[in-house]
Amino acid sequence: MMWSAVKAFIIKELKLTFRSKANIFWIIAWPAIWLLMTAYVFVPPAAGQPMTLKVGVVNHDIGSTSPFNGTTFIQILNESEYRGVKLFQVKIYENETLMLEDIRRGRLDGGFTIPKGFGENIIFSQARLKVYIGARSLQSAQIAESILRGFIQGLNDGISVRKVNETMKYVEIYSKKYMSKNLTISMVGNKSWTEFMRNWMIGVVSPINASFQDVKPEALVERPSILGWYTFGAIGMSLLYSGLISGSTMAVREKEAGTLRRILASPATSTDMLIGKTISGLITLGVMSAIIVALGVYPCGAKIIWSPTNPAHWLAIILLILVSIMVIGVGMILSLIAGTTESASNLSVVLGLMFAFIAGIWFPKWMLPAWMRFLADVFPATWAIEGMRSALVYGATAAELMPTFLKVLAAAIISYLIGVFAYKKTLRRYVMA
């Protein structure tokens, strides 16, 4: 191998790559467009904030003298907040027909019809309430139902406890007047009658007192971390088709330019050309990745963790290099069936984009159907991108990353060696043609 020949191939390939407007578009502009659209359309600045529902209310309990009535219910709706965001934007309707029409037209997320005697029934029996669940979009349908059901459940719990406390006042008066002060219930720890009754009634209205604490990964709940996740998705997408193009056009480009025979007749060998073009492809993919990271962090606000003293972060960089080598190797395999630069490029773009969207690189695996999740689980490029995300977004350690690193290393070596075999076979075919 002559380093001067390898260096010449590197410089030549880099010049050809970055002089082409089409290459610039696919390598940099296309993933940047997707990343920016994701940052400001699909994951807008308000992402992660509680959703405010537009709800309608028809109140037939107007004028009730009950301490709790339809007007009180509307006031609670207007004052309900979560993380400082109002849960409901309330619109009052005169009749149910108009409200239902707006729900059906997608103008409201839901609605309530409060019947006459609502407040009085809440205090002395059981009140009925009609709740209509709508949606202004497909994405908001489940969210609207969850919020409305959660609100009613929370209101039920609060009212139930209040009713128990009020009832216990009368139980205590009755107990003091008619029952022995020393009466205890042995099966529940010798508690007094009134303590037993209070606990029993609380258990009837609310058998489970569950406390909920958010321990979700920041990458799933914070917009900067979500965008960090998608930044590596954009890198993975571009790595796939750009790496495939680099490998699949390695020999055919020289053939079409009429330089292949002259190169092979010169002191430079096919190995020099292979190494030079591979290094050129790695440099191109590295520059592309750096540009996408910069776009993700600065214009979009993506959160990407990086520390030069963290071994896991360096392993993530090595994973980037390994997956680049792997897809270049796969690209060389594709050159066996692609007879022209145009067909090789088109095939590479189609396959690259297809695998980016169906193998868990751009869309999270949980969003995919079962067969696509299986593909994501066995696709080495997905392993590498997930490993990079684990280290640079989720904060995984080097020990946690090592199994993924070893799998990707093996896949990269195997893919590239098979690609070299395909490259040599393609060259022999072109020379003998």
Foldseek 3Di string as FASTA:
>chain_A
DDVVLLQVLLVVLLCVQVVDPVNCCLLAVVLLVVLVCCLPPVQNPCALPADAFEEEEEAAAPPDPFPDGPVNVVVCQQPDDDPRHRRYDYDYDPDDVVRVVCLVVLVGQKYKYAHHCQRVCLQVNHHDIDIGGGHNDPVCRVVSVVVVVVVVVVVQLVSQLVNLVVVLVVVVVCCVVPHDPCDFDVVVPRHHPSVVSSVVSNCVSPVDDDDDDDPDQCLVRPSQLVSVLQLLLSLQLSLQLLLLLLQLCLQQVCLVVVCLVVCCVDPHHPVSSVSSSLVSSLVSSVVSSVSSVVSSCPPSNHAWDDDPVAVLLVLLVVLSSLSSLLSSLVSLLCNLVDNHSVSSSVVRNVVSNVCSVQQCSNPHLVVHPPVSVVNVVPPLSNLSSVSSSCCTRRNDHPVVSVVSSVVSNVSSVVSNVNSVVSNVVSSVVSVVD
